[in-house]
């Protein structure tokens, strides 16, 4: 966990740094607000200790600038000549606490204890990935990054597990971009998006005349990925006959194009992913067990957002900043109570749903502050599901959350399933199956 300290007194900076490092925190110190803000534009710490006066700089103004960069970032204000007016002003600007000098070490540590997450106290060893766009500091996401680092240093096959919207594609790209194959091709294919009769031609390619009307030959995904990495998303949607051919390629590293007897030899690393329990697919005869064992050399499970809620403030900051920049909107803050409401949501659509909610809040909220009521309004429709969570009925709650999430997205898109699937980030065929299982009809949401 990283803490930034900004104070114009060298002895205070030094003593705080030594004490906090003894508590296993990573600490960076700054003598000016300008230097602090410069570093904040590069990285976001877990916490800031900020002096009210930094020489000639007003720490309250610096606090305001910090909050513009990261609306949910916890900031503890410290002062040698604090007044009630300054404390009130700091609190209004978003400070989580106000500490007076001379500082009591016990009070400083207690104030930090009050705002950090328990799971951040015993993190995994700091993982340094050359390429890393995965947001989060929770122990759950650190485990994922640790597994990515381990996988990236090898050529072993990887099987990624995770619900829709958790970021399986991003994990696959992160493995690739940190691997020895990073300068070679990265080819993706969503197995659920390709009709069964075309999937083999997509994977293996075909020669001229192999199909009626095929005037040219075409290379497939395996050949295009030669030397690099092939990412097979939603692999459990692949037909059994195609699975058998993929298994043969994994065993022999060679294949023939459709319509050809010429053997093509390839060196391809496979990263596979699924959003369904593979064991169930195997038991139901939908996925080959021998292929599973070939692919499942390094398994990586991405936790759903509801299991890494301590990452939500950081994600909220990121999506607020991105939405404001992309839409050329004025700065917006978010109330701490609103963040708590977002942290207590079930998030059936995971990070993708959070992204959509934050975009909506940034664009639709009137004024410069996203309030708790704004957050509640954005999450309406999930009352019944939350009641099921409180009763401990996880399965029914999950189904109800998914049902309401799909219905809300259908309503927004006037019943258009294609647009809805695009917003949800899932294939249309998968969405149709999900709607059927949850007894949802798009007709009632069609405008007119």
Protein backbone atom coordinates (compact mmCIF):
# COMPACT_ATOMS: atom_id res chain seq x y z
CA UNK A 1 0.00 0.00 0.00
CA UNK A 2 1.46 3.37 -1.04
CA UNK A 3 1.11 6.58 0.97
CA UNK A 4 2.08 10.08 -0.21
CA UNK A 5 3.18 12.66 2.40
CA UNK A 6 3.23 16.38 1.52
CA UNK A 7 4.67 18.66 4.23
CA UNK A 8 7.09 21.59 4.07
CA UNK A 9 8.90 20.58 7.29
CA UNK A 10 11.77 18.13 6.53
CA UNK A 11 11.79 16.59 10.01
CA UNK A 12 8.09 15.76 9.87
CA UNK A 13 8.44 14.24 6.41
CA UNK A 14 11.41 12.16 7.55
CA UNK A 15 9.87 10.92 10.81
CA UNK A 16 6.50 10.07 9.22
CA UNK A 17 8.25 8.22 6.40
CA UNK A 18 10.34 6.12 8.81
CA UNK A 19 7.37 5.28 11.04
CA UNK A 20 5.08 4.30 8.18
CA UNK A 21 7.78 2.25 6.46
CA UNK A 22 8.21 0.37 9.74
CA UNK A 23 4.49 -0.44 9.39
CA UNK A 24 5.23 -1.93 5.92
CA UNK A 25 3.76 0.95 3.91
CA UNK A 26 5.47 2.23 0.74
CA UNK A 27 6.00 5.97 1.24
CA UNK A 28 6.84 8.89 -1.06
CA UNK A 29 7.43 12.37 0.37
CA UNK A 30 6.96 15.83 -1.18
CA UNK A 31 7.88 19.29 0.06
CA UNK A 32 5.46 21.16 -2.20
CA UNK A 33 1.94 20.74 -3.47
CA UNK A 34 3.21 21.24 -7.01
CA UNK A 35 5.49 18.20 -6.72
CA UNK A 36 2.68 16.15 -5.17
CA UNK A 37 0.24 16.99 -7.98
CA UNK A 38 2.85 16.22 -10.62
CA UNK A 39 3.30 12.70 -9.22
CA UNK A 40 -0.46 12.24 -8.78
CA UNK A 41 -0.88 12.69 -12.52
CA UNK A 42 1.36 9.63 -12.93
CA UNK A 43 0.01 7.33 -10.22
CA UNK A 44 -2.70 7.10 -7.57
CA UNK A 45 -1.61 6.20 -4.02
CA UNK A 46 -3.89 4.55 -1.47
CA UNK A 47 -3.76 7.58 0.86
CA UNK A 48 -2.32 11.11 1.18
CA UNK A 49 -1.14 12.94 4.31
CA UNK A 50 -1.34 16.63 3.33
CA UNK A 51 -0.24 19.69 5.32
CA UNK A 52 -2.65 22.62 5.42
CA UNK A 53 0.21 25.04 4.63
CA UNK A 54 3.05 24.06 2.31
CA UNK A 55 5.23 27.13 2.54
CA UNK A 56 3.34 29.72 0.49
CA UNK A 57 0.95 27.12 -0.95
CA UNK A 58 -2.55 26.68 0.43
CA UNK A 59 -3.02 23.00 1.27
CA UNK A 60 -6.80 23.33 0.98
CA UNK A 61 -6.40 24.38 -2.65
CA UNK A 62 -4.00 21.47 -3.18
CA UNK A 63 -6.65 19.20 -1.61
CA UNK A 64 -9.18 20.50 -4.11
CA UNK A 65 -6.82 19.77 -7.03
CA UNK A 66 -6.16 16.26 -5.67
CA UNK A 67 -9.90 15.59 -5.55
CA UNK A 68 -10.31 16.77 -9.14
CA UNK A 69 -7.81 14.09 -10.16
CA UNK A 70 -9.17 11.35 -7.88
CA UNK A 71 -12.60 12.12 -6.35
CA UNK A 72 -12.53 9.12 -3.96
CA UNK A 73 -8.87 9.29 -2.86
CA UNK A 74 -8.63 9.38 0.98
CA UNK A 75 -6.74 12.48 2.19
CA UNK A 76 -5.77 13.19 5.81
CA UNK A 77 -5.07 16.88 6.49
CA UNK A 78 -2.44 17.87 9.06
CA UNK A 79 -1.81 21.34 10.51
CA UNK A 80 0.27 23.14 13.12
CA UNK A 81 -2.23 25.95 13.50
CA UNK A 82 -5.57 24.39 12.81
CA UNK A 83 -8.85 26.19 13.38
CA UNK A 84 -12.42 24.96 13.28
CA UNK A 85 -12.93 26.97 10.08
CA UNK A 86 -9.98 25.26 8.36
CA UNK A 87 -11.11 21.82 9.54
CA UNK A 88 -14.66 22.44 8.25
CA UNK A 89 -13.31 23.72 4.93
CA UNK A 90 -11.05 20.67 4.55
CA UNK A 91 -13.93 18.32 5.33
CA UNK A 92 -16.18 20.05 2.79
CA UNK A 93 -13.44 19.65 0.18
CA UNK A 94 -13.37 15.92 0.87
CA UNK A 95 -10.72 15.33 3.58
CA UNK A 96 -11.47 12.20 5.60
CA UNK A 97 -9.81 13.47 8.81
CA UNK A 98 -7.94 16.46 10.29
CA UNK A 99 -4.86 15.94 12.50
CA UNK A 100 -3.17 18.67 14.53
CA UNK A 101 0.58 19.11 15.13
CA UNK A 102 2.51 18.07 17.09
CA UNK A 103 1.44 14.79 15.62
CA UNK A 104 0.65 11.84 17.84
CA UNK A 105 1.95 8.72 16.12
CA UNK A 106 -0.86 6.69 17.65
CA UNK A 107 -3.46 9.10 16.23
CA UNK A 108 -1.80 9.10 12.80
CA UNK A 109 -1.75 5.30 12.64
CA UNK A 110 -5.33 5.10 13.93
CA UNK A 111 -6.50 7.61 11.29
CA UNK A 112 -4.80 5.57 8.57
CA UNK A 113 -6.29 2.37 10.03
CA UNK A 114 -9.75 3.92 9.75
CA UNK A 115 -9.53 4.45 5.99
CA UNK A 116 -7.48 1.52 4.67
CA UNK A 117 -8.98 -1.83 3.77
CA UNK A 118 -8.09 -4.81 5.99
CA UNK A 119 -7.11 -6.88 2.95
CA UNK A 120 -4.50 -4.29 1.98
CA UNK A 121 -2.51 -4.92 5.16
CA UNK A 122 -1.08 -8.21 3.97
CA UNK A 123 -0.68 -7.81 0.20
CA UNK A 124 1.20 -10.18 -2.06
CA UNK A 125 4.74 -9.17 -3.05
CA UNK A 126 4.61 -6.06 -5.26
CA UNK A 127 4.14 -7.23 -8.86
CA UNK A 128 5.84 -5.13 -11.52
CA UNK A 129 4.45 -5.79 -14.98
CA UNK A 130 5.93 -3.87 -17.88
CA UNK A 131 2.44 -3.54 -19.36
CA UNK A 132 -0.39 -3.27 -16.83
CA UNK A 133 -3.78 -1.66 -17.41
CA UNK A 134 -5.59 -3.78 -14.82
CA UNK A 135 -6.99 -1.42 -12.18
CA UNK A 136 -7.10 -2.53 -8.55
CA UNK A 137 -5.06 -2.96 -5.39
CA UNK A 138 -7.19 -5.56 -3.61
CA UNK A 139 -5.61 -8.85 -2.61
CA UNK A 140 -7.96 -10.60 -5.07
CA UNK A 141 -6.67 -8.62 -8.05
CA UNK A 142 -3.07 -8.82 -6.82
CA UNK A 143 -3.40 -12.61 -6.98
CA UNK A 144 -4.49 -12.27 -10.61
CA UNK A 145 -1.50 -10.03 -11.40
CA UNK A 146 0.83 -12.47 -9.67
CA UNK A 147 -0.56 -15.31 -11.83
CA UNK A 148 -0.19 -13.12 -14.94
CA UNK A 149 3.46 -12.47 -14.11
CA UNK A 150 4.05 -16.19 -13.63
CA UNK A 151 2.26 -17.08 -16.87
CA UNK A 152 3.95 -14.33 -18.92
CA UNK A 153 7.41 -15.69 -18.17
CA UNK A 154 6.55 -19.03 -19.80
CA UNK A 155 5.04 -20.41 -23.01
CA UNK A 156 2.52 -22.51 -21.09
CA UNK A 157 -1.15 -22.51 -22.09
CA UNK A 158 -3.48 -20.46 -19.92
CA UNK A 159 -7.17 -20.92 -19.12
CA UNK A 160 -8.92 -17.78 -17.85
CA UNK A 161 -12.15 -18.08 -15.87
CA UNK A 162 -14.50 -15.22 -15.04
CA UNK A 163 -18.03 -13.89 -15.32
CA UNK A 164 -19.06 -11.56 -18.14
CA UNK A 165 -17.57 -8.11 -17.70
CA UNK A 166 -14.70 -9.09 -15.39
CA UNK A 167 -11.97 -8.39 -17.97
CA UNK A 168 -10.88 -11.76 -19.40
CA UNK A 169 -9.71 -10.20 -22.67
CA UNK A 170 -7.65 -7.60 -20.79
CA UNK A 171 -5.97 -10.35 -18.74
CA UNK A 172 -5.14 -12.27 -21.94
CA UNK A 173 -3.62 -9.15 -23.53
CA UNK A 174 -1.66 -8.41 -20.36
CA UNK A 175 -0.15 -11.90 -20.41
CA UNK A 176 0.75 -11.48 -24.08
CA UNK A 177 2.23 -7.97 -23.74
CA UNK A 178 4.45 -9.10 -20.86
CA UNK A 179 5.60 -12.29 -22.60
CA UNK A 180 8.54 -13.08 -24.87
CA UNK A 181 6.05 -13.15 -27.76
CA UNK A 182 4.93 -9.52 -27.27
CA UNK A 183 6.40 -8.37 -30.61
CA UNK A 184 4.67 -11.19 -32.52
CA UNK A 185 0.97 -11.50 -33.45
CA UNK A 186 -1.86 -11.49 -30.92
CA UNK A 187 -4.98 -12.91 -32.58
CA UNK A 188 -8.40 -13.05 -30.93
CA UNK A 189 -11.48 -15.09 -31.71
CA UNK A 190 -14.76 -15.20 -29.81
CA UNK A 191 -16.02 -18.73 -30.30
CA UNK A 192 -19.58 -17.71 -29.39
CA UNK A 193 -19.66 -15.09 -32.16
CA UNK A 194 -18.92 -17.42 -35.07
CA UNK A 195 -21.65 -19.71 -36.50
CA UNK A 196 -20.80 -23.39 -36.07
CA UNK A 197 -20.57 -23.98 -39.83
CA UNK A 198 -17.94 -21.23 -40.20
CA UNK A 199 -15.79 -21.68 -37.11
CA UNK A 200 -13.42 -24.23 -38.68
CA UNK A 201 -12.75 -22.02 -41.69
CA UNK A 202 -12.07 -19.13 -39.29
CA UNK A 203 -9.61 -21.21 -37.29
CA UNK A 204 -7.85 -23.15 -40.03
CA UNK A 205 -8.44 -21.10 -43.18
CA UNK A 206 -9.46 -22.48 -46.56
CA UNK A 207 -8.20 -22.81 -50.13
CA UNK A 208 -9.75 -21.49 -53.34
CA UNK A 209 -12.75 -23.60 -54.25
CA UNK A 210 -13.06 -25.16 -50.80
CA UNK A 211 -16.55 -23.60 -50.54
CA UNK A 212 -19.06 -22.69 -53.17
CA UNK A 213 -18.28 -19.13 -54.20
CA UNK A 214 -14.84 -19.08 -52.53
CA UNK A 215 -12.71 -17.34 -55.14
CA UNK A 216 -9.65 -16.89 -52.94
CA UNK A 217 -7.82 -18.83 -50.29
CA UNK A 218 -7.67 -17.45 -46.79
CA UNK A 219 -5.45 -18.03 -43.80
CA UNK A 220 -7.08 -18.93 -40.50
CA UNK A 221 -6.51 -17.70 -36.96
CA UNK A 222 -3.91 -20.38 -36.18
CA UNK A 223 -1.76 -19.44 -39.16
CA UNK A 224 -2.21 -15.70 -38.51
CA UNK A 225 -1.03 -16.21 -34.91
CA UNK A 226 2.06 -18.24 -35.89
CA UNK A 227 4.92 -17.35 -33.55
CA UNK A 228 2.55 -15.39 -31.30
CA UNK A 229 -0.55 -15.92 -29.22
CA UNK A 230 -4.10 -17.01 -30.07
CA UNK A 231 -6.82 -15.99 -27.62
CA UNK A 232 -9.91 -18.23 -27.83
CA UNK A 233 -12.65 -16.49 -25.87
CA UNK A 234 -15.79 -18.38 -24.76
CA UNK A 235 -14.15 -21.62 -25.88
CA UNK A 236 -16.91 -23.75 -24.32
CA UNK A 237 -19.19 -22.55 -27.16
CA UNK A 238 -16.99 -24.36 -29.68
CA UNK A 239 -18.54 -27.48 -31.28
CA UNK A 240 -17.22 -30.90 -30.24
CA UNK A 241 -15.96 -31.65 -33.75
CA UNK A 242 -13.95 -28.43 -33.82
CA UNK A 243 -12.66 -29.14 -30.31
CA UNK A 244 -11.25 -32.44 -31.59
CA UNK A 245 -9.34 -30.66 -34.37
CA UNK A 246 -8.02 -28.01 -31.95
CA UNK A 247 -6.84 -30.81 -29.64
CA UNK A 248 -4.92 -32.35 -32.53
CA UNK A 249 -3.22 -29.03 -33.31
CA UNK A 250 -2.20 -28.65 -29.67
CA UNK A 251 -0.70 -32.13 -29.76
CA UNK A 252 1.05 -31.86 -33.13
CA UNK A 253 1.34 -28.09 -33.80
CA UNK A 254 0.24 -28.68 -37.39
CA UNK A 255 -2.97 -28.76 -39.46
CA UNK A 256 -4.41 -28.54 -42.98
CA UNK A 257 -6.52 -25.76 -44.42
CA UNK A 258 -10.04 -26.74 -45.44
CA UNK A 259 -9.87 -28.05 -49.00
CA UNK A 260 -6.13 -28.77 -48.84
CA UNK A 261 -3.90 -31.72 -47.99
CA UNK A 262 -0.86 -29.52 -47.43
CA UNK A 263 0.34 -29.59 -43.81
CA UNK A 264 1.01 -26.24 -42.13
CA UNK A 265 3.28 -26.25 -39.08
CA UNK A 266 2.76 -23.53 -36.48
CA UNK A 267 4.13 -22.38 -33.15
CA UNK A 268 1.19 -20.82 -31.34
CA UNK A 269 0.57 -20.16 -27.67
CA UNK A 270 -3.07 -20.66 -26.71
CA UNK A 271 -4.89 -18.59 -24.10
CA UNK A 272 -8.49 -19.76 -23.61
CA UNK A 273 -11.31 -18.22 -21.61
CA UNK A 274 -14.84 -19.06 -20.50
CA UNK A 275 -17.60 -17.52 -18.41
CA UNK A 276 -19.27 -20.85 -17.52
CA UNK A 277 -18.16 -23.65 -15.15
CA UNK A 278 -16.03 -25.95 -17.34
CA UNK A 279 -16.68 -28.95 -15.09
CA UNK A 280 -20.41 -28.65 -15.80
CA UNK A 281 -19.77 -28.39 -19.56
CA UNK A 282 -17.62 -31.54 -19.39
CA UNK A 283 -20.25 -33.38 -17.34
CA UNK A 284 -22.96 -32.34 -19.82
CA UNK A 285 -20.87 -33.62 -22.75
CA UNK A 286 -20.39 -30.13 -24.24
CA UNK A 287 -16.65 -29.85 -23.68
CA UNK A 288 -13.91 -32.43 -24.15
CA UNK A 289 -12.14 -33.39 -20.96
CA UNK A 290 -8.87 -34.14 -22.78
CA UNK A 291 -8.91 -30.66 -24.36
CA UNK A 292 -9.57 -29.12 -20.95
CA UNK A 293 -6.48 -30.77 -19.48
CA UNK A 294 -4.38 -29.60 -22.43
CA UNK A 295 -5.52 -26.00 -21.98
CA UNK A 296 -5.67 -25.80 -18.20
CA UNK A 297 -1.91 -25.66 -17.57
CA UNK A 298 -2.05 -22.28 -15.83
CA UNK A 299 -5.58 -21.48 -14.59
CA UNK A 300 -6.38 -17.85 -13.75
CA UNK A 301 -9.69 -16.97 -12.10
CA UNK A 302 -10.77 -13.34 -12.27
CA UNK A 303 -12.90 -12.42 -9.24
CA UNK A 304 -16.29 -10.76 -9.82
CA UNK A 305 -16.48 -7.13 -8.76
CA UNK A 306 -18.62 -7.99 -5.72
CA UNK A 307 -15.60 -9.89 -4.33
CA UNK A 308 -13.18 -6.96 -4.76
CA UNK A 309 -15.29 -4.02 -3.59
CA UNK A 310 -12.24 -2.25 -2.12
CA UNK A 311 -11.19 -1.58 -5.74
CA UNK A 312 -14.44 0.26 -6.52
CA UNK A 313 -13.25 3.75 -5.36
CA UNK A 314 -10.22 3.51 -7.64
CA UNK A 315 -12.38 2.31 -10.55
CA UNK A 316 -14.90 5.08 -9.86
CA UNK A 317 -12.11 7.67 -10.02
CA UNK A 318 -10.83 6.24 -13.28
CA UNK A 319 -14.21 6.16 -15.04
CA UNK A 320 -15.19 9.62 -13.78
CA UNK A 321 -11.92 11.07 -15.09
CA UNK A 322 -12.19 9.22 -18.41
CA UNK A 323 -15.84 10.13 -18.99
CA UNK A 324 -15.27 13.80 -18.20
CA UNK A 325 -12.29 13.93 -20.55
CA UNK A 326 -13.96 12.04 -23.41
CA UNK A 327 -17.10 14.18 -23.24
CA UNK A 328 -15.36 17.49 -22.47
CA UNK A 329 -17.35 17.89 -19.25
CA UNK A 330 -16.47 20.14 -16.26
CA UNK A 331 -14.96 18.52 -13.11
CA UNK A 332 -17.28 16.44 -10.94
CA UNK A 333 -16.91 15.14 -7.40
CA UNK A 334 -18.67 12.19 -5.81
CA UNK A 335 -19.94 11.96 -2.23
CA UNK A 336 -18.41 9.28 -0.01
CA UNK A 337 -21.92 7.98 0.73
CA UNK A 338 -22.49 7.56 -3.01
CA UNK A 339 -19.28 5.51 -3.25
CA UNK A 340 -20.50 3.35 -0.33
CA UNK A 341 -23.76 2.70 -2.19
CA UNK A 342 -21.80 1.63 -5.26
CA UNK A 343 -19.62 -0.64 -3.11
CA UNK A 344 -22.70 -2.37 -1.69
CA UNK A 345 -24.22 -3.10 -5.10
CA UNK A 346 -24.06 -6.68 -6.39
CA UNK A 347 -22.71 -5.75 -9.87
CA UNK A 348 -24.04 -8.60 -12.04
CA UNK A 349 -22.35 -6.98 -15.06
CA UNK A 350 -19.11 -6.48 -13.11
CA UNK A 351 -16.66 -3.78 -14.27
CA UNK A 352 -18.50 -3.29 -17.56
CA UNK A 353 -21.67 -2.42 -15.63
CA UNK A 354 -19.76 -0.07 -13.30
CA UNK A 355 -18.29 1.70 -16.33
CA UNK A 356 -21.76 2.20 -17.83
CA UNK A 357 -23.18 3.47 -14.52
CA UNK A 358 -20.34 5.98 -14.04
CA UNK A 359 -20.72 7.28 -17.59
CA UNK A 360 -24.44 7.76 -16.99
CA UNK A 361 -23.85 9.53 -13.65
CA UNK A 362 -21.19 11.86 -15.08
CA UNK A 363 -23.32 12.85 -18.06
CA UNK A 364 -26.78 12.97 -16.45
CA UNK A 365 -26.01 14.38 -12.99
CA UNK A 366 -26.90 18.07 -12.71
CA UNK A 367 -24.29 20.11 -10.84
CA UNK A 368 -20.71 19.36 -9.86
CA UNK A 369 -21.34 16.62 -7.26
CA UNK A 370 -22.63 13.08 -7.72
CA UNK A 371 -24.75 12.51 -4.63
CA UNK A 372 -25.93 9.41 -2.80
CA UNK A 373 -29.41 9.94 -4.27
CA UNK A 374 -27.93 10.06 -7.77
CA UNK A 375 -26.24 6.71 -7.13
CA UNK A 376 -29.45 5.21 -5.74
CA UNK A 377 -31.42 6.38 -8.76
CA UNK A 378 -28.84 4.85 -11.11
CA UNK A 379 -29.24 1.48 -9.40
CA UNK A 380 -33.05 1.38 -9.14
CA UNK A 381 -34.65 -1.91 -10.08
CA UNK A 382 -32.41 -4.08 -7.92
CA UNK A 383 -34.46 -3.87 -4.68
CA UNK A 384 -35.84 -7.42 -4.92
CA UNK A 385 -32.40 -8.86 -5.62
CA UNK A 386 -30.90 -7.03 -2.63
CA UNK A 387 -33.63 -8.48 -0.42
CA UNK A 388 -32.65 -11.97 -1.61
CA UNK A 389 -29.00 -11.23 -0.77
CA UNK A 390 -30.04 -10.27 2.77
CA UNK A 391 -31.98 -13.54 3.05
CA UNK A 392 -28.88 -15.45 1.98
CA UNK A 393 -30.38 -16.82 -1.24
CA UNK A 394 -27.33 -16.22 -3.43
CA UNK A 395 -28.50 -18.15 -6.51
CA UNK A 396 -31.88 -16.41 -6.78
CA UNK A 397 -30.31 -13.04 -6.01
CA UNK A 398 -27.78 -13.51 -8.80
CA UNK A 399 -30.51 -14.47 -11.27
CA UNK A 400 -32.63 -11.47 -10.25
CA UNK A 401 -29.67 -9.08 -10.56
CA UNK A 402 -28.89 -10.45 -14.03
CA UNK A 403 -32.56 -10.22 -15.00
CA UNK A 404 -32.89 -6.60 -13.88
CA UNK A 405 -29.56 -5.63 -15.43
CA UNK A 406 -30.57 -7.05 -18.83
CA UNK A 407 -34.05 -5.49 -18.61
CA UNK A 408 -32.62 -2.04 -17.79
CA UNK A 409 -30.19 -2.27 -20.70
CA UNK A 410 -32.96 -3.43 -23.06
CA UNK A 411 -35.10 -0.48 -21.96
CA UNK A 412 -32.23 1.93 -22.64
CA UNK A 413 -31.82 0.44 -26.12
CA UNK A 414 -35.57 0.29 -26.90
CA UNK A 415 -35.61 -3.51 -27.03
CA UNK A 416 -32.84 -3.76 -29.65
CA UNK A 417 -31.03 -7.01 -28.76
CA UNK A 418 -28.04 -6.30 -31.01
CA UNK A 419 -27.34 -2.92 -29.37
CA UNK A 420 -28.03 -4.39 -25.93
CA UNK A 421 -25.54 -7.23 -26.48
CA UNK A 422 -22.95 -4.66 -27.59
CA UNK A 423 -23.48 -2.56 -24.43
CA UNK A 424 -23.36 -5.65 -22.21
CA UNK A 425 -20.25 -6.88 -24.02
CA UNK A 426 -21.64 -10.35 -24.76
CA UNK A 427 -22.50 -12.09 -28.00
CA UNK A 428 -26.07 -11.78 -29.27
CA UNK A 429 -26.55 -15.56 -29.30
CA UNK A 430 -25.42 -15.76 -25.68
CA UNK A 431 -27.77 -12.90 -24.74
CA UNK A 432 -30.70 -14.66 -26.41
CA UNK A 433 -29.97 -17.82 -24.41
CA UNK A 434 -29.68 -15.82 -21.20
CA UNK A 435 -32.96 -13.97 -21.90
CA UNK A 436 -34.73 -17.26 -22.57
CA UNK A 437 -33.47 -18.79 -19.31
CA UNK A 438 -34.58 -15.68 -17.36
CA UNK A 439 -37.93 -15.44 -19.18
CA UNK A 440 -37.24 -12.01 -20.69
CA UNK A 441 -38.89 -10.90 -23.94
CA UNK A 442 -37.43 -7.95 -25.86
CA UNK A 443 -40.81 -7.18 -27.50
CA UNK A 444 -42.21 -5.36 -24.44
CA UNK A 445 -39.27 -2.92 -24.48
CA UNK A 446 -39.55 -1.96 -28.15
CA UNK A 447 -40.47 1.68 -28.66
CA UNK A 448 -43.86 2.04 -30.28
